[in-house]
PDB file of N, CA and C in Angstrom:
ATOM      1  N   MET A   1     146.423  69.725  64.875  1.00  0.00           N
ATOM      2  CA  MET A   1     146.235  70.593  66.010  1.00  0.00           C
ATOM      3  C   MET A   1     145.998  69.746  67.251  1.00  0.00           C
ATOM      4  N   ASP A   2     146.643  70.096  68.322  1.00  0.00           N
ATOM      5  CA  ASP A   2     146.555  69.400  69.594  1.00  0.00           C
ATOM      6  C   ASP A   2     145.284  69.808  70.335  1.00  0.00           C
ATOM      7  N   SER A   3     144.743  68.911  71.143  1.00  0.00           N
ATOM      8  CA  SER A   3     143.539  69.229  71.924  1.00  0.00           C
ATOM      9  C   SER A   3     143.752  70.435  72.825  1.00  0.00           C
ATOM     10  N   ASN A   4     144.976  70.621  73.305  1.00  0.00           N
ATOM     11  CA  ASN A   4     145.283  71.768  74.158  1.00  0.00           C
ATOM     12  C   ASN A   4     145.130  73.084  73.420  1.00  0.00           C
ATOM     13  N   ASP A   5     145.160  73.051  72.092  1.00  0.00           N
ATOM     14  CA  ASP A   5     144.944  74.250  71.302  1.00  0.00           C
ATOM     15  C   ASP A   5     143.459  74.583  71.199  1.00  0.00           C
ATOM     16  N   LEU A   6     142.605  73.655  71.578  1.00  0.00           N
ATOM     17  CA  LEU A   6     141.161  73.827  71.446  1.00  0.00           C
ATOM     18  C   LEU A   6     140.469  74.064  72.784  1.00  0.00           C
ATOM     19  N   ILE A   7     140.968  73.407  73.814  1.00  0.00           N
ATOM     20  CA  ILE A   7     140.285  73.366  75.112  1.00  0.00           C
ATOM     21  C   ILE A   7     141.266  73.730  76.217  1.00  0.00           C
ATOM     22  N   THR A   8     140.763  74.472  77.202  1.00  0.00           N
ATOM     23  CA  THR A   8     141.548  74.816  78.382  1.00  0.00           C
ATOM     24  C   THR A   8     140.929  74.159  79.599  1.00  0.00           C
ATOM     25  N   ILE A   9     141.782  73.575  80.433  1.00  0.00           N
ATOM     26  CA  ILE A   9     141.342  73.048  81.723  1.00  0.00           C
ATOM     27  C   ILE A   9     142.213  73.718  82.772  1.00  0.00           C
ATOM     28  N   ASP A  10     141.589  74.592  83.557  1.00  0.00           N
ATOM     29  CA  ASP A  10     142.317  75.400  84.536  1.00  0.00           C
ATOM     30  C   ASP A  10     141.449  75.500  85.789  1.00  0.00           C
ATOM     31  N   PRO A  11     141.987  75.087  86.946  1.00  0.00           N
ATOM     32  CA  PRO A  11     141.190  75.152  88.175  1.00  0.00           C
ATOM     33  C   PRO A  11     140.674  76.565  88.485  1.00  0.00           C
ATOM     34  N   GLN A  12     141.314  77.582  87.932  1.00  0.00           N
ATOM     35  CA  GLN A  12     140.895  78.962  88.167  1.00  0.00           C
ATOM     36  C   GLN A  12     139.750  79.393  87.253  1.00  0.00           C
ATOM     37  N   ILE A  13     139.419  78.574  86.263  1.00  0.00           N
ATOM     38  CA  ILE A  13     138.338  78.895  85.326  1.00  0.00           C
ATOM     39  C   ILE A  13     137.240  77.843  85.483  1.00  0.00           C
ATOM     40  N   LEU A  14     136.109  78.266  85.999  1.00  0.00           N
ATOM     41  CA  LEU A  14     134.944  77.388  86.196  1.00  0.00           C
ATOM     42  C   LEU A  14     135.297  76.091  86.925  1.00  0.00           C
ATOM     43  N   GLY A  15     136.179  76.205  87.892  1.00  0.00           N
ATOM     44  CA  GLY A  15     136.530  75.050  88.719  1.00  0.00           C
ATOM     45  C   GLY A  15     137.221  73.926  87.973  1.00  0.00           C
ATOM     46  N   GLY A  16     137.830  74.248  86.830  1.00  0.00           N
ATOM     47  CA  GLY A  16     138.558  73.240  86.072  1.00  0.00           C
ATOM     48  C   GLY A  16     137.741  72.538  85.008  1.00  0.00           C
ATOM     49  N   ALA A  17     136.506  72.992  84.792  1.00  0.00           N
ATOM     50  CA  ALA A  17     135.695  72.409  83.714  1.00  0.00           C
ATOM     51  C   ALA A  17     136.358  72.717  82.372  1.00  0.00           C
ATOM     52  N   PRO A  18     136.377  71.775  81.450  1.00  0.00           N
ATOM     53  CA  PRO A  18     136.950  72.052  80.126  1.00  0.00           C
ATOM     54  C   PRO A  18     136.159  73.158  79.423  1.00  0.00           C
ATOM     55  N   VAL A  19     136.860  74.199  78.995  1.00  0.00           N
ATOM     56  CA  VAL A  19     136.239  75.320  78.299  1.00  0.00           C
ATOM     57  C   VAL A  19     136.914  75.518  76.949  1.00  0.00           C
ATOM     58  N   PHE A  20     136.179  76.152  76.033  1.00  0.00           N
ATOM     59  CA  PHE A  20     136.797  76.512  74.754  1.00  0.00           C
ATOM     60  C   PHE A  20     137.942  77.476  75.035  1.00  0.00           C
ATOM     61  N   ARG A  21     139.080  77.236  74.420  1.00  0.00           N
ATOM     62  CA  ARG A  21     140.270  78.039  74.646  1.00  0.00           C
ATOM     63  C   ARG A  21     139.966  79.519  74.443  1.00  0.00           C
ATOM     64  N   GLY A  22     140.414  80.331  75.396  1.00  0.00           N
ATOM     65  CA  GLY A  22     140.235  81.769  75.316  1.00  0.00           C
ATOM     66  C   GLY A  22     138.865  82.259  75.750  1.00  0.00           C
ATOM     67  N   THR A  23     138.040  81.343  76.296  1.00  0.00           N
ATOM     68  CA  THR A  23     136.693  81.714  76.743  1.00  0.00           C
ATOM     69  C   THR A  23     136.435  81.127  78.125  1.00  0.00           C
ATOM     70  N   ARG A  24     135.248  81.402  78.624  1.00  0.00           N
ATOM     71  CA  ARG A  24     134.762  80.757  79.848  1.00  0.00           C
ATOM     72  C   ARG A  24     133.531  79.909  79.518  1.00  0.00           C
ATOM     73  N   VAL A  25     133.440  79.466  78.277  1.00  0.00           N
ATOM     74  CA  VAL A  25     132.294  78.680  77.816  1.00  0.00           C
ATOM     75  C   VAL A  25     132.643  77.193  77.909  1.00  0.00           C
ATOM     76  N   PRO A  26     131.932  76.448  78.755  1.00  0.00           N
ATOM     77  CA  PRO A  26     132.217  75.021  78.877  1.00  0.00           C
ATOM     78  C   PRO A  26     131.952  74.282  77.560  1.00  0.00           C
ATOM     79  N   VAL A  27     132.828  73.369  77.219  1.00  0.00           N
ATOM     80  CA  VAL A  27     132.663  72.567  76.009  1.00  0.00           C
ATOM     81  C   VAL A  27     131.384  71.741  76.099  1.00  0.00           C
ATOM     82  N   LYS A  28     131.052  71.279  77.297  1.00  0.00           N
ATOM     83  CA  LYS A  28     129.843  70.451  77.438  1.00  0.00           C
ATOM     84  C   LYS A  28     128.592  71.219  77.037  1.00  0.00           C
ATOM     85  N   THR A  29     128.629  72.545  77.114  1.00  0.00           N
ATOM     86  CA  THR A  29     127.470  73.348  76.727  1.00  0.00           C
ATOM     87  C   THR A  29     127.152  73.155  75.247  1.00  0.00           C
ATOM     88  N   LEU A  30     128.184  73.078  74.412  1.00  0.00           N
ATOM     89  CA  LEU A  30     127.964  72.828  72.988  1.00  0.00           C
ATOM     90  C   LEU A  30     127.227  71.503  72.796  1.00  0.00           C
ATOM     91  N   PHE A  31     127.686  70.464  73.459  1.00  0.00           N
ATOM     92  CA  PHE A  31     127.070  69.148  73.299  1.00  0.00           C
ATOM     93  C   PHE A  31     125.653  69.121  73.880  1.00  0.00           C
ATOM     94  N   GLU A  32     125.421  69.858  74.955  1.00  0.00           N
ATOM     95  CA  GLU A  32     124.063  69.953  75.505  1.00  0.00           C
ATOM     96  C   GLU A  32     123.136  70.645  74.507  1.00  0.00           C
ATOM     97  N   TYR A  33     123.604  71.704  73.874  1.00  0.00           N
ATOM     98  CA  TYR A  33     122.805  72.376  72.850  1.00  0.00           C
ATOM     99  C   TYR A  33     122.460  71.400  71.721  1.00  0.00           C
ATOM    100  N   LEU A  34     123.459  70.702  71.230  1.00  0.00           N
ATOM    101  CA  LEU A  34     123.232  69.783  70.109  1.00  0.00           C
ATOM    102  C   LEU A  34     122.303  68.637  70.507  1.00  0.00           C
ATOM    103  N   GLU A  35     122.464  68.128  71.719  1.00  0.00           N
ATOM    104  CA  GLU A  35     121.591  67.045  72.202  1.00  0.00           C
ATOM    105  C   GLU A  35     120.138  67.506  72.318  1.00  0.00           C
ATOM    106  N   ASN A  36     119.942  68.801  72.530  1.00  0.00           N
ATOM    107  CA  ASN A  36     118.598  69.357  72.690  1.00  0.00           C
ATOM    108  C   ASN A  36     118.082  69.989  71.399  1.00  0.00           C
ATOM    109  N   ASP A  37     118.647  69.539  70.288  1.00  0.00           N
ATOM    110  CA  ASP A  37     118.186  69.926  68.947  1.00  0.00           C
ATOM    111  C   ASP A  37     118.393  71.392  68.588  1.00  0.00           C
ATOM    112  N   TYR A  38     119.333  72.050  69.233  1.00  0.00           N
ATOM    113  CA  TYR A  38     119.726  73.388  68.802  1.00  0.00           C
ATOM    114  C   TYR A  38     120.800  73.226  67.734  1.00  0.00           C
ATOM    115  N   SER A  39     120.901  74.191  66.874  1.00  0.00           N
ATOM    116  CA  SER A  39     121.915  74.142  65.820  1.00  0.00           C
ATOM    117  C   SER A  39     123.218  74.778  66.312  1.00  0.00           C
ATOM    118  N   VAL A  40     124.274  74.512  65.590  1.00  0.00           N
ATOM    119  CA  VAL A  40     125.552  75.163  65.882  1.00  0.00           C
ATOM    120  C   VAL A  40     125.382  76.673  65.752  1.00  0.00           C
ATOM    121  N   GLU A  41     124.605  77.092  64.770  1.00  0.00           N
ATOM    122  CA  GLU A  41     124.360  78.523  64.570  1.00  0.00           C
ATOM    123  C   GLU A  41     123.733  79.154  65.815  1.00  0.00           C
ATOM    124  N   GLU A  42     122.756  78.468  66.413  1.00  0.00           N
ATOM    125  CA  GLU A  42     122.117  78.980  67.630  1.00  0.00           C
ATOM    126  C   GLU A  42     123.109  79.032  68.785  1.00  0.00           C
ATOM    127  N   PHE A  43     123.946  78.020  68.887  1.00  0.00           N
ATOM    128  CA  PHE A  43     124.986  78.023  69.927  1.00  0.00           C
ATOM    129  C   PHE A  43     125.898  79.232  69.744  1.00  0.00           C
ATOM    130  N   LEU A  44     126.345  79.466  68.514  1.00  0.00           N
ATOM    131  CA  LEU A  44     127.255  80.581  68.243  1.00  0.00           C
ATOM    132  C   LEU A  44     126.605  81.927  68.529  1.00  0.00           C
ATOM    133  N   GLU A  45     125.314  82.045  68.280  1.00  0.00           N
ATOM    134  CA  GLU A  45     124.606  83.283  68.585  1.00  0.00           C
ATOM    135  C   GLU A  45     124.578  83.540  70.092  1.00  0.00           C
ATOM    136  N   CYS A  46     124.425  82.479  70.871  1.00  0.00           N
ATOM    137  CA  CYS A  46     124.369  82.613  72.334  1.00  0.00           C
ATOM    138  C   CYS A  46     125.746  82.794  72.958  1.00  0.00           C
ATOM    139  N   PHE A  47     126.783  82.309  72.279  1.00  0.00           N
ATOM    140  CA  PHE A  47     128.147  82.356  72.820  1.00  0.00           C
ATOM    141  C   PHE A  47     129.095  82.943  71.775  1.00  0.00           C
ATOM    142  N   PRO A  48     128.996  84.239  71.526  1.00  0.00           N
ATOM    143  CA  PRO A  48     129.803  84.855  70.464  1.00  0.00           C
ATOM    144  C   PRO A  48     131.309  84.828  70.710  1.00  0.00           C
ATOM    145  N   SER A  49     131.730  84.516  71.932  1.00  0.00           N
ATOM    146  CA  SER A  49     133.170  84.433  72.194  1.00  0.00           C
ATOM    147  C   SER A  49     133.785  83.152  71.630  1.00  0.00           C
ATOM    148  N   VAL A  50     132.933  82.212  71.216  1.00  0.00           N
ATOM    149  CA  VAL A  50     133.413  80.955  70.625  1.00  0.00           C
ATOM    150  C   VAL A  50     133.315  81.090  69.101  1.00  0.00           C
ATOM    151  N   SER A  51     134.418  80.824  68.424  1.00  0.00           N
ATOM    152  CA  SER A  51     134.419  80.949  66.963  1.00  0.00           C
ATOM    153  C   SER A  51     133.843  79.702  66.300  1.00  0.00           C
ATOM    154  N   ARG A  52     133.311  79.900  65.109  1.00  0.00           N
ATOM    155  CA  ARG A  52     132.786  78.784  64.319  1.00  0.00           C
ATOM    156  C   ARG A  52     133.893  77.759  64.065  1.00  0.00           C
ATOM    157  N   ASP A  53     135.094  78.230  63.767  1.00  0.00           N
ATOM    158  CA  ASP A  53     136.209  77.332  63.490  1.00  0.00           C
ATOM    159  C   ASP A  53     136.553  76.484  64.714  1.00  0.00           C
ATOM    160  N   LEU A  54     136.521  77.090  65.890  1.00  0.00           N
ATOM    161  CA  LEU A  54     136.819  76.340  67.113  1.00  0.00           C
ATOM    162  C   LEU A  54     135.765  75.263  67.349  1.00  0.00           C
ATOM    163  N   VAL A  55     134.503  75.592  67.129  1.00  0.00           N
ATOM    164  CA  VAL A  55     133.427  74.598  67.268  1.00  0.00           C
ATOM    165  C   VAL A  55     133.657  73.454  66.284  1.00  0.00           C
ATOM    166  N   ARG A  56     133.951  73.790  65.041  1.00  0.00           N
ATOM    167  CA  ARG A  56     134.171  72.764  64.021  1.00  0.00           C
ATOM    168  C   ARG A  56     135.315  71.840  64.423  1.00  0.00           C
ATOM    169  N   GLN A  57     136.405  72.411  64.906  1.00  0.00           N
ATOM    170  CA  GLN A  57     137.559  71.598  65.288  1.00  0.00           C
ATOM    171  C   GLN A  57     137.250  70.700  66.483  1.00  0.00           C
ATOM    172  N   VAL A  58     136.518  71.221  67.453  1.00  0.00           N
ATOM    173  CA  VAL A  58     136.145  70.401  68.613  1.00  0.00           C
ATOM    174  C   VAL A  58     135.225  69.258  68.176  1.00  0.00           C
ATOM    175  N   LEU A  59     134.261  69.548  67.299  1.00  0.00           N
ATOM    176  CA  LEU A  59     133.373  68.492  66.811  1.00  0.00           C
ATOM    177  C   LEU A  59     134.135  67.458  65.989  1.00  0.00           C
ATOM    178  N   ASP A  60     135.064  67.915  65.157  1.00  0.00           N
ATOM    179  CA  ASP A  60     135.896  66.976  64.388  1.00  0.00           C
ATOM    180  C   ASP A  60     136.695  66.085  65.326  1.00  0.00           C
ATOM    181  N   ARG A  61     137.293  66.674  66.348  1.00  0.00           N
ATOM    182  CA  ARG A  61     138.107  65.914  67.302  1.00  0.00           C
ATOM    183  C   ARG A  61     137.242  64.925  68.069  1.00  0.00           C
ATOM    184  N   SER A  62     136.031  65.321  68.457  1.00  0.00           N
ATOM    185  CA  SER A  62     135.174  64.398  69.206  1.00  0.00           C
ATOM    186  C   SER A  62     134.715  63.244  68.317  1.00  0.00           C
ATOM    187  N   GLU A  63     134.494  63.531  67.042  1.00  0.00           N
ATOM    188  CA  GLU A  63     134.121  62.472  66.095  1.00  0.00           C
ATOM    189  C   GLU A  63     135.267  61.476  65.942  1.00  0.00           C
ATOM    190  N   GLN A  64     136.487  61.973  65.855  1.00  0.00           N
ATOM    191  CA  GLN A  64     137.648  61.091  65.734  1.00  0.00           C
ATOM    192  C   GLN A  64     137.783  60.229  66.983  1.00  0.00           C
ATOM    193  N   GLY A  65     137.557  60.829  68.150  1.00  0.00           N
ATOM    194  CA  GLY A  65     137.638  60.076  69.402  1.00  0.00           C
ATOM    195  C   GLY A  65     136.575  59.005  69.483  1.00  0.00           C
ATOM    196  N   ALA A  66     135.387  59.309  68.996  1.00  0.00           N
ATOM    197  CA  ALA A  66     134.297  58.321  69.001  1.00  0.00           C
ATOM    198  C   ALA A  66     134.627  57.156  68.078  1.00  0.00           C
ATOM    199  N   GLU A  67     135.226  57.451  66.924  1.00  0.00           N
ATOM    200  CA  GLU A  67     135.598  56.385  65.991  1.00  0.00           C
ATOM    201  C   GLU A  67     136.644  55.467  66.604  1.00  0.00           C
ATOM    202  N   VAL A  68     137.626  56.036  67.297  1.00  0.00           N
ATOM    203  CA  VAL A  68     138.664  55.229  67.946  1.00  0.00           C
ATOM    204  C   VAL A  68     138.034  54.351  69.016  1.00  0.00           C
ATOM    205  N   SER A  69     137.154  54.924  69.840  1.00  0.00           N
ATOM    206  CA  SER A  69     136.499  54.154  70.902  1.00  0.00           C
ATOM    207  C   SER A  69     135.653  53.033  70.324  1.00  0.00           C
ATOM    208  N   LEU A  70     134.905  53.315  69.264  1.00  0.00           N
ATOM    209  CA  LEU A  70     134.075  52.307  68.636  1.00  0.00           C
ATOM    210  C   LEU A  70     134.930  51.175  68.059  1.00  0.00           C
ATOM    211  N   ASN A  71     136.034  51.531  67.439  1.00  0.00           N
ATOM    212  CA  ASN A  71     136.931  50.503  66.885  1.00  0.00           C
ATOM    213  C   ASN A  71     137.509  49.621  67.977  1.00  0.00           C
ATOM    214  N   GLU A  72     137.784  50.196  69.147  1.00  0.00           N
ATOM    215  CA  GLU A  72     138.314  49.412  70.266  1.00  0.00           C
ATOM    216  C   GLU A  72     137.261  48.422  70.770  1.00  0.00           C
ATOM    217  N   VAL A  73     136.003  48.834  70.790  1.00  0.00           N
ATOM    218  CA  VAL A  73     134.916  47.978  71.260  1.00  0.00           C
ATOM    219  C   VAL A  73     134.686  46.841  70.271  1.00  0.00           C
ATOM    220  N   ILE A  74     134.749  47.146  68.978  1.00  0.00           N
ATOM    221  CA  ILE A  74     134.498  46.144  67.941  1.00  0.00           C
ATOM    222  C   ILE A  74     135.642  45.128  67.858  1.00  0.00           C
ATOM    223  N   SER A  75     136.855  45.569  68.096  1.00  0.00           N
ATOM    224  CA  SER A  75     138.029  44.683  67.960  1.00  0.00           C
ATOM    225  C   SER A  75     138.053  43.580  68.975  1.00  0.00           C
TER     226      SER A  75
END
């Protein structure tokens, strides 16, 4: 699945902030919740327009990106 299938960046939606596809929920909000010790379940309760599957895919994609970045630094 392509990142464009997960995230929308549109100047007409929240000034172009990356949002979960089909919503107006910024992706950074998920990471802010997690950084502040909230669970994915709590995030989903607060943002019911975001599906559990979409959250899982975004987290999987961010983990893959972190691994690539870390490998570049180590190499």
